[in-house]
Amino acid sequence: MEDHEAKLGAFFRHIRKRRGLKIRDVSAGISETTLSRFERGQIDLTISKLAPAMEAAEMDPADVLMRPNQAKAAFDVALRSVHDALVRGNKAMATAALHNYRFATDNMYLPLRPFNLMILETWTESIKFPTIYLSDANQDEVVSFLERDDDWHHFEYMLYAELVYFMDEHHSKRAFRIMVRSFAKRQHPENDRQAYQMALMNAIMRPIETGDLEFAGEIMKMIDGMKLSPIDIFTNYRRELCRCAFAFKQNGGEEQREILQNLLGSLDFLGSPQLAASDMLWLKRCGVEFK
């Protein structure tokens, strides 16, 4: 899904397509050509002109007007807080962030809100139960959502990245294939490319942990092929962590364990001891024992 802070036409198009509607299905009171130009960002339309089309698409005008600012900002703040709570092991902090997002958006009709809540709720629960899986119903809902649009944007990559660790082998591989096909189809702006890279590095974590080395190897080849800036310290660290953890699962041995321990030590030195501690817990689940 595209960034709709300044792209209401793109948001309208996104919701229309998600509901399986063609332009002719919603072009009430407005020509298909005009509506198409609006969706592509070539022209602006007043709410009064757009109202019949929104009604035909069963959209609440408040959804179009309020989503771009208040709801997006509320989710971004909540997600940062939940991630921060995760590395601290502080479930109360995450629960508070989840509550704040739910309260801030409670009276809005937001098509993507259920997925935002799914992300926040799952990560919050994982603080106490780090290896949980989403329910089959939730996994089916996520994969079905991702399958409906080959033209992925930042939201789709973010959704996959945030939830792939909590998906079983069948669902995660299915969504992975969809994502890779989508990414290969077009040129991406920088924020989409970064979201795709993070999705790859999150996608490899559970296969490494469970010993699915064939699938992990497939993902690792893509991660190794990523072009990263040398000043992007965190992403380079994350790639090296994935590479070393995968090598450990393949070969084991004292050398790989020491490399991983030194890698965590470098992150600690850079001022992220809590993240290093969180990654150490994941590595222990992968079978890496530290002295």
Protein backbone atom coordinates (compact mmCIF):
# COMPACT_ATOMS: atom_id res chain seq x y z
CA MET A 1 0.00 0.00 0.00
CA GLU A 2 1.38 3.38 -0.93
CA ASP A 3 2.04 6.28 1.41
CA HIS A 4 -1.29 8.09 1.30
CA GLU A 5 -0.36 11.18 3.29
CA ALA A 6 -0.53 13.17 0.06
CA LYS A 7 -2.05 10.58 -2.27
CA LEU A 8 -5.78 10.28 -1.64
CA GLY A 9 -6.31 9.05 -5.17
CA ALA A 10 -3.90 6.17 -4.59
CA PHE A 11 -5.67 5.35 -1.31
CA PHE A 12 -9.05 5.33 -3.08
CA ARG A 13 -7.64 3.03 -5.78
CA HIS A 14 -6.13 0.72 -3.19
CA ILE A 15 -9.41 0.24 -1.30
CA ARG A 16 -11.36 -0.16 -4.55
CA LYS A 17 -9.03 -2.91 -5.74
CA ARG A 18 -9.03 -4.64 -2.36
CA ARG A 19 -12.82 -4.88 -2.65
CA GLY A 20 -12.60 -6.38 -6.11
CA LEU A 21 -14.25 -3.38 -7.80
CA LYS A 22 -13.47 -1.96 -11.23
CA ILE A 23 -13.52 1.76 -11.98
CA ARG A 24 -16.80 1.37 -13.86
CA ASP A 25 -18.34 -0.12 -10.70
CA VAL A 26 -17.73 3.05 -8.68
CA SER A 27 -17.83 5.84 -11.26
CA ALA A 28 -21.22 7.11 -10.08
CA GLY A 29 -21.61 10.79 -10.87
CA ILE A 30 -18.17 11.01 -12.43
CA SER A 31 -16.57 9.74 -15.60
CA GLU A 32 -14.29 6.71 -15.56
CA THR A 33 -11.54 8.79 -17.19
CA THR A 34 -11.73 11.46 -14.49
CA LEU A 35 -11.73 8.91 -11.70
CA SER A 36 -8.79 7.09 -13.27
CA ARG A 37 -6.80 10.34 -13.47
CA PHE A 38 -7.65 11.05 -9.82
CA GLU A 39 -6.41 7.62 -8.76
CA ARG A 40 -3.13 8.15 -10.61
CA GLY A 41 -2.59 11.50 -8.87
CA GLN A 42 -2.97 13.55 -12.06
CA ILE A 43 -5.88 15.64 -10.75
CA ASP A 44 -7.54 16.47 -7.44
CA LEU A 45 -11.24 16.07 -6.71
CA THR A 46 -13.39 17.77 -4.11
CA ILE A 47 -15.14 15.57 -1.58
CA SER A 48 -18.51 16.60 -3.03
CA LYS A 49 -17.47 15.35 -6.48
CA LEU A 50 -15.95 12.19 -5.05
CA ALA A 51 -18.85 11.43 -2.68
CA PRO A 52 -20.95 9.33 -5.13
CA ALA A 53 -17.92 7.20 -6.01
CA MET A 54 -17.09 6.72 -2.32
CA GLU A 55 -20.68 5.69 -1.66
CA ALA A 56 -20.57 3.21 -4.55
CA ALA A 57 -17.35 1.75 -3.10
CA GLU A 58 -18.92 1.70 0.39
CA MET A 59 -16.22 3.98 1.77
CA ASP A 60 -16.69 6.27 4.73
CA PRO A 61 -15.48 9.80 3.80
CA ALA A 62 -13.86 10.00 7.24
CA ASP A 63 -11.70 7.05 6.24
CA VAL A 64 -10.29 8.94 3.26
CA LEU A 65 -9.84 12.19 5.18
CA MET A 66 -8.55 10.99 8.55
CA ARG A 67 -6.43 7.95 7.73
CA PRO A 68 -3.56 9.83 6.07
CA ASN A 69 -2.51 11.69 9.21
CA GLN A 70 -3.88 10.79 12.59
CA ALA A 71 -4.17 7.01 12.22
CA LYS A 72 -0.83 6.54 10.45
CA ALA A 73 0.98 8.60 13.05
CA ALA A 74 -0.72 6.69 15.88
CA PHE A 75 0.35 3.36 14.42
CA ASP A 76 3.95 4.46 13.78
CA VAL A 77 4.28 5.63 17.40
CA ALA A 78 2.70 2.43 18.75
CA LEU A 79 4.91 0.16 16.64
CA ARG A 80 8.10 1.93 17.74
CA SER A 81 7.01 1.63 21.36
CA VAL A 82 6.15 -2.05 21.03
CA HIS A 83 9.51 -2.82 19.40
CA ASP A 84 11.26 -0.87 22.13
CA ALA A 85 9.30 -2.80 24.76
CA LEU A 86 10.25 -6.06 23.06
CA VAL A 87 14.01 -5.56 23.39
CA ARG A 88 13.46 -4.51 27.02
CA GLY A 89 11.17 -7.43 27.76
CA ASN A 90 8.60 -4.97 29.10
CA LYS A 91 5.12 -6.26 28.29
CA ALA A 92 3.38 -3.51 30.28
CA MET A 93 5.01 -0.89 28.07
CA ALA A 94 3.89 -2.71 24.92
CA THR A 95 0.36 -3.19 26.26
CA ALA A 96 0.11 0.53 26.95
CA ALA A 97 1.22 1.36 23.40
CA LEU A 98 -1.34 -1.07 22.00
CA HIS A 99 -4.08 0.50 24.13
CA ASN A 100 -3.12 4.00 22.99
CA TYR A 101 -3.32 3.03 19.31
CA ARG A 102 -6.65 1.28 19.78
CA PHE A 103 -8.07 4.30 21.64
CA ALA A 104 -6.75 6.82 19.07
CA THR A 105 -8.38 4.97 16.16
CA ASP A 106 -11.42 3.47 17.85
CA ASN A 107 -13.98 5.68 16.12
CA MET A 108 -12.43 5.50 12.64
CA TYR A 109 -13.39 3.10 9.89
CA LEU A 110 -9.94 2.03 8.71
CA PRO A 111 -9.62 -0.96 6.36
CA LEU A 112 -6.05 -1.65 7.47
CA ARG A 113 -6.65 -1.23 11.20
CA PRO A 114 -7.25 -4.98 11.83
CA PHE A 115 -3.80 -5.74 10.39
CA ASN A 116 -2.18 -2.97 12.44
CA LEU A 117 -3.80 -4.38 15.56
CA MET A 118 -2.71 -7.90 14.61
CA ILE A 119 0.91 -6.71 14.40
CA LEU A 120 0.83 -4.84 17.71
CA GLU A 121 -1.03 -7.58 19.56
CA THR A 122 1.23 -10.36 18.26
CA TRP A 123 4.48 -8.61 19.11
CA THR A 124 3.12 -7.68 22.54
CA GLU A 125 2.19 -11.30 23.27
CA SER A 126 5.57 -12.51 21.99
CA ILE A 127 7.36 -10.71 24.83
CA LYS A 128 6.22 -13.52 27.11
CA PHE A 129 5.83 -16.23 24.46
CA PRO A 130 8.51 -15.53 21.81
CA THR A 131 7.84 -18.60 19.63
CA ILE A 132 4.07 -18.20 19.27
CA TYR A 133 2.31 -18.63 15.95
CA LEU A 134 -0.63 -16.68 14.57
CA SER A 135 -3.90 -18.56 14.45
CA ASP A 136 -4.68 -20.30 11.16
CA ALA A 137 -7.51 -17.81 10.58
CA ASN A 138 -5.18 -14.83 11.00
CA GLN A 139 -2.51 -16.38 8.78
CA ASP A 140 -5.08 -17.07 6.07
CA GLU A 141 -6.33 -13.48 6.36
CA VAL A 142 -2.83 -12.03 5.95
CA VAL A 143 -1.91 -14.23 2.99
CA SER A 144 -5.25 -13.58 1.31
CA PHE A 145 -4.69 -9.82 1.72
CA LEU A 146 -1.20 -10.07 0.22
CA GLU A 147 -2.41 -12.20 -2.71
CA ARG A 148 -4.98 -9.65 -3.84
CA ASP A 149 -2.47 -7.15 -5.17
CA ASP A 150 0.72 -7.90 -7.13
CA ASP A 151 1.70 -4.23 -7.01
CA TRP A 152 3.06 -4.23 -3.45
CA HIS A 153 3.94 -1.02 -1.65
CA HIS A 154 5.37 -0.15 1.73
CA PHE A 155 2.45 -1.40 3.80
CA GLU A 156 2.51 -4.88 2.31
CA TYR A 157 6.25 -5.26 2.86
CA MET A 158 5.91 -3.96 6.41
CA LEU A 159 2.98 -6.29 7.15
CA TYR A 160 4.91 -9.32 5.91
CA ALA A 161 8.08 -8.28 7.74
CA GLU A 162 6.25 -7.80 11.03
CA LEU A 163 4.28 -11.05 10.94
CA VAL A 164 6.34 -13.58 8.97
CA TYR A 165 8.15 -14.86 12.07
CA PHE A 166 4.78 -15.82 13.54
CA MET A 167 3.59 -17.72 10.45
CA ASP A 168 3.93 -21.46 9.99
CA GLU A 169 6.01 -22.99 7.20
CA HIS A 170 3.14 -23.28 4.72
CA HIS A 171 1.87 -19.71 5.10
CA SER A 172 5.29 -18.06 5.34
CA LYS A 173 6.56 -19.72 2.16
CA ARG A 174 3.37 -18.90 0.29
CA ALA A 175 3.56 -15.23 1.26
CA PHE A 176 7.29 -15.17 0.54
CA ARG A 177 6.77 -16.33 -3.06
CA ILE A 178 4.14 -13.63 -3.58
CA MET A 179 6.44 -10.95 -2.17
CA VAL A 180 9.44 -11.93 -4.31
CA ARG A 181 7.34 -11.97 -7.48
CA SER A 182 5.91 -8.57 -6.67
CA PHE A 183 9.30 -7.02 -5.96
CA ALA A 184 10.75 -8.34 -9.23
CA LYS A 185 8.02 -6.69 -11.29
CA ARG A 186 8.95 -3.04 -10.89
CA GLN A 187 11.40 -0.41 -9.74
CA HIS A 188 10.90 0.60 -6.13
CA PRO A 189 11.32 3.85 -4.24
CA GLU A 190 13.89 3.77 -1.45
CA ASN A 191 11.44 3.19 1.42
CA ASP A 192 9.90 0.19 -0.38
CA ARG A 193 13.34 -1.26 -1.08
CA GLN A 194 14.33 -0.90 2.58
CA ALA A 195 11.08 -2.50 3.70
CA TYR A 196 11.74 -5.41 1.32
CA GLN A 197 15.23 -5.89 2.73
CA MET A 198 13.89 -5.97 6.27
CA ALA A 199 11.21 -8.44 5.19
CA LEU A 200 13.90 -10.78 3.84
CA MET A 201 15.92 -10.62 7.03
CA ASN A 202 12.86 -11.28 9.16
CA ALA A 203 11.75 -14.09 6.85
CA ILE A 204 14.92 -16.08 7.43
CA MET A 205 14.72 -16.10 11.24
CA ARG A 206 12.17 -18.88 11.78
CA PRO A 207 13.63 -21.23 9.11
CA ILE A 208 17.07 -20.89 10.74
CA GLU A 209 15.54 -21.50 14.14
CA THR A 210 13.57 -24.57 13.05
CA GLY A 211 16.36 -25.99 10.87
CA ASP A 212 14.64 -25.54 7.51
CA LEU A 213 18.01 -24.90 5.89
CA GLU A 214 16.85 -25.32 2.31
CA PHE A 215 14.38 -22.45 2.61
CA ALA A 216 16.81 -20.43 4.75
CA GLY A 217 19.47 -20.91 2.07
CA GLU A 218 17.13 -19.59 -0.61
CA ILE A 219 16.47 -16.46 1.43
CA MET A 220 20.16 -16.10 2.36
CA LYS A 221 21.14 -15.86 -1.31
CA MET A 222 18.78 -12.90 -1.69
CA ILE A 223 20.08 -11.28 1.48
CA ASP A 224 23.68 -11.68 0.30
CA GLY A 225 22.72 -10.01 -2.97
CA MET A 226 21.40 -6.87 -1.28
CA LYS A 227 23.30 -3.67 -1.98
CA LEU A 228 23.76 -1.89 1.32
CA SER A 229 25.43 1.39 2.14
CA PRO A 230 28.47 0.91 4.41
CA ILE A 231 27.09 3.61 6.71
CA ASP A 232 23.84 1.69 7.23
CA ILE A 233 25.20 0.09 10.39
CA PHE A 234 22.04 -1.60 11.64
CA THR A 235 21.09 -3.24 8.33
CA ASN A 236 24.67 -4.43 7.79
CA TYR A 237 24.69 -5.84 11.31
CA ARG A 238 21.38 -7.61 10.72
CA ARG A 239 22.62 -9.14 7.47
CA GLU A 240 25.81 -10.38 9.14
CA LEU A 241 23.79 -11.84 12.01
CA CYS A 242 21.61 -13.77 9.57
CA ARG A 243 24.64 -14.96 7.60
CA CYS A 244 26.53 -16.17 10.69
CA ALA A 245 23.49 -17.83 12.28
CA PHE A 246 22.79 -19.66 9.02
CA ALA A 247 26.43 -20.78 8.80
CA PHE A 248 26.28 -22.01 12.40
CA LYS A 249 23.20 -24.13 11.66
CA GLN A 250 24.98 -25.57 8.64
CA ASN A 251 28.34 -26.29 10.25
CA GLY A 252 28.19 -25.57 13.98
CA GLY A 253 31.48 -25.37 15.80
CA GLU A 254 33.36 -23.07 18.12
CA GLU A 255 34.51 -20.68 15.38
CA GLN A 256 31.00 -19.71 14.30
CA ARG A 257 29.91 -19.34 17.93
CA GLU A 258 32.77 -16.93 18.61
CA ILE A 259 31.96 -14.90 15.50
CA LEU A 260 28.35 -14.53 16.68
CA GLN A 261 29.43 -13.58 20.18
CA ASN A 262 31.78 -10.92 18.80
CA LEU A 263 29.00 -9.62 16.57
CA LEU A 264 26.69 -9.19 19.56
CA GLY A 265 29.55 -7.55 21.44
CA SER A 266 30.00 -5.00 18.68
CA LEU A 267 26.32 -4.10 18.88
CA ASP A 268 26.65 -3.71 22.64
CA PHE A 269 29.66 -1.44 22.08
CA LEU A 270 27.63 0.70 19.66
CA GLY A 271 25.13 1.44 22.41
CA SER A 272 22.43 -1.17 21.82
CA PRO A 273 22.92 -3.65 24.68
CA GLN A 274 19.21 -4.42 24.94
CA LEU A 275 18.95 -5.29 21.25
CA ALA A 276 22.06 -7.46 21.61
CA ALA A 277 20.41 -9.25 24.54
CA SER A 278 17.24 -9.78 22.49
CA ASP A 279 19.22 -11.20 19.56
CA MET A 280 21.13 -13.46 21.95
CA LEU A 281 17.84 -15.00 23.11
CA TRP A 282 16.95 -15.71 19.47
CA LEU A 283 20.36 -17.28 18.83
CA LYS A 284 19.92 -19.50 21.87
CA ARG A 285 16.63 -20.71 20.37
CA CYS A 286 18.68 -21.49 17.26
CA GLY A 287 20.94 -23.72 19.36
CA VAL A 288 23.87 -21.33 19.83
CA GLU A 289 25.27 -21.69 23.35
CA PHE A 290 27.33 -18.79 24.67
CA LYS A 291 29.94 -18.97 27.40
